[in-house]
């Protein structure tokens, strides 16, 4: 890769990095108050989407509002990858 050129590989919150680990770990503590195991799992999914959006330079609130609206409007399941933060436009 040439200096200053961005990698083609998308960045994921699960990949993290030493500087991002604290954010994820802090959020994990908050998941203890989700109310149930299922609630905690749903919360973790949303937290992962929010952190991945941030890592990819996408505003998480606008991103989530838009993809939820697209899903409700009938976005095809076969094209769900188009809604991931690194493919979001």
Protein backbone atom coordinates (compact mmCIF):
# COMPACT_ATOMS: atom_id res chain seq x y z
CA UNK A 1 0.00 0.00 0.00
CA UNK A 2 1.25 3.47 -0.86
CA UNK A 3 1.69 5.89 2.05
CA UNK A 4 -1.51 7.88 2.57
CA UNK A 5 -3.65 5.49 0.53
CA UNK A 6 -6.60 3.93 2.34
CA UNK A 7 -6.95 0.18 2.65
CA UNK A 8 -9.75 -1.47 0.68
CA UNK A 9 -10.61 -3.63 3.69
CA UNK A 10 -13.57 -2.34 5.71
CA UNK A 11 -13.03 -1.50 9.36
CA UNK A 12 -15.13 -3.32 11.91
CA UNK A 13 -15.80 -2.55 15.58
CA UNK A 14 -15.06 -6.18 16.33
CA UNK A 15 -11.55 -5.80 14.92
CA UNK A 16 -11.05 -2.92 17.29
CA UNK A 17 -7.65 -1.70 18.13
CA UNK A 18 -5.99 -0.77 21.35
CA UNK A 19 -7.47 2.71 21.15
CA UNK A 20 -11.02 1.37 20.52
CA UNK A 21 -10.97 -1.46 23.08
CA UNK A 22 -11.85 0.84 25.99
CA UNK A 23 -15.01 2.04 24.29
CA UNK A 24 -16.26 -1.47 23.59
CA UNK A 25 -15.35 -2.72 27.09
CA UNK A 26 -17.15 0.21 28.73
CA UNK A 27 -20.25 -0.50 26.66
CA UNK A 28 -20.15 -4.16 27.63
CA UNK A 29 -20.63 -3.18 31.30
CA UNK A 30 -23.73 -1.20 30.35
CA UNK A 31 -25.20 -4.30 28.67
CA UNK A 32 -25.57 -5.89 32.10
CA UNK A 33 -28.62 -3.68 32.55
CA UNK A 34 -30.36 -4.80 29.34
CA UNK A 35 -33.01 -6.72 31.32
CA UNK A 36 -32.56 -10.16 29.75
CA UNK A 37 -30.12 -12.26 27.74
CA UNK A 38 -32.07 -11.55 24.56
CA UNK A 39 -32.11 -7.82 25.30
CA UNK A 40 -28.36 -7.92 25.91
CA UNK A 41 -27.76 -9.66 22.59
CA UNK A 42 -29.88 -7.10 20.72
CA UNK A 43 -28.11 -4.29 22.53
CA UNK A 44 -24.70 -5.75 21.59
CA UNK A 45 -25.73 -5.91 17.92
CA UNK A 46 -26.73 -2.24 17.92
CA UNK A 47 -23.57 -1.24 19.83
CA UNK A 48 -21.46 -3.08 17.25
CA UNK A 49 -23.24 -1.33 14.36
CA UNK A 50 -22.77 2.07 16.04
CA UNK A 51 -19.04 1.52 16.65
CA UNK A 52 -18.49 0.13 13.14
CA UNK A 53 -20.28 3.14 11.65
CA UNK A 54 -18.02 5.47 13.65
CA UNK A 55 -14.90 3.60 12.51
CA UNK A 56 -16.03 4.03 8.90
CA UNK A 57 -16.80 7.75 9.23
CA UNK A 58 -20.59 7.36 9.14
CA UNK A 59 -22.92 9.25 11.49
CA UNK A 60 -24.44 6.40 13.56
CA UNK A 61 -27.81 8.08 14.24
CA UNK A 62 -28.45 8.98 10.60
CA UNK A 63 -27.17 5.56 9.49
CA UNK A 64 -29.46 3.58 11.82
CA UNK A 65 -32.49 5.74 11.01
CA UNK A 66 -31.91 5.27 7.28
CA UNK A 67 -31.27 1.52 7.29
CA UNK A 68 -34.26 0.87 9.54
CA UNK A 69 -36.44 2.90 7.14
CA UNK A 70 -35.04 0.92 4.18
CA UNK A 71 -35.72 -2.42 5.90
CA UNK A 72 -39.29 -1.37 6.78
CA UNK A 73 -39.80 -0.23 3.16
CA UNK A 74 -38.94 -3.75 1.95
CA UNK A 75 -35.20 -3.78 1.25
CA UNK A 76 -34.49 -7.25 -0.22
CA UNK A 77 -32.84 -9.70 2.19
CA UNK A 78 -30.59 -10.87 -0.63
CA UNK A 79 -29.02 -7.38 -0.66
CA UNK A 80 -28.61 -6.94 3.10
CA UNK A 81 -24.83 -6.49 2.68
CA UNK A 82 -25.58 -3.15 1.01
CA UNK A 83 -26.75 -1.85 4.39
CA UNK A 84 -23.53 -2.56 6.29
CA UNK A 85 -21.67 0.55 7.50
CA UNK A 86 -18.71 0.18 5.10
CA UNK A 87 -21.04 -0.15 2.09
CA UNK A 88 -23.38 2.64 3.22
CA UNK A 89 -23.64 5.64 0.87
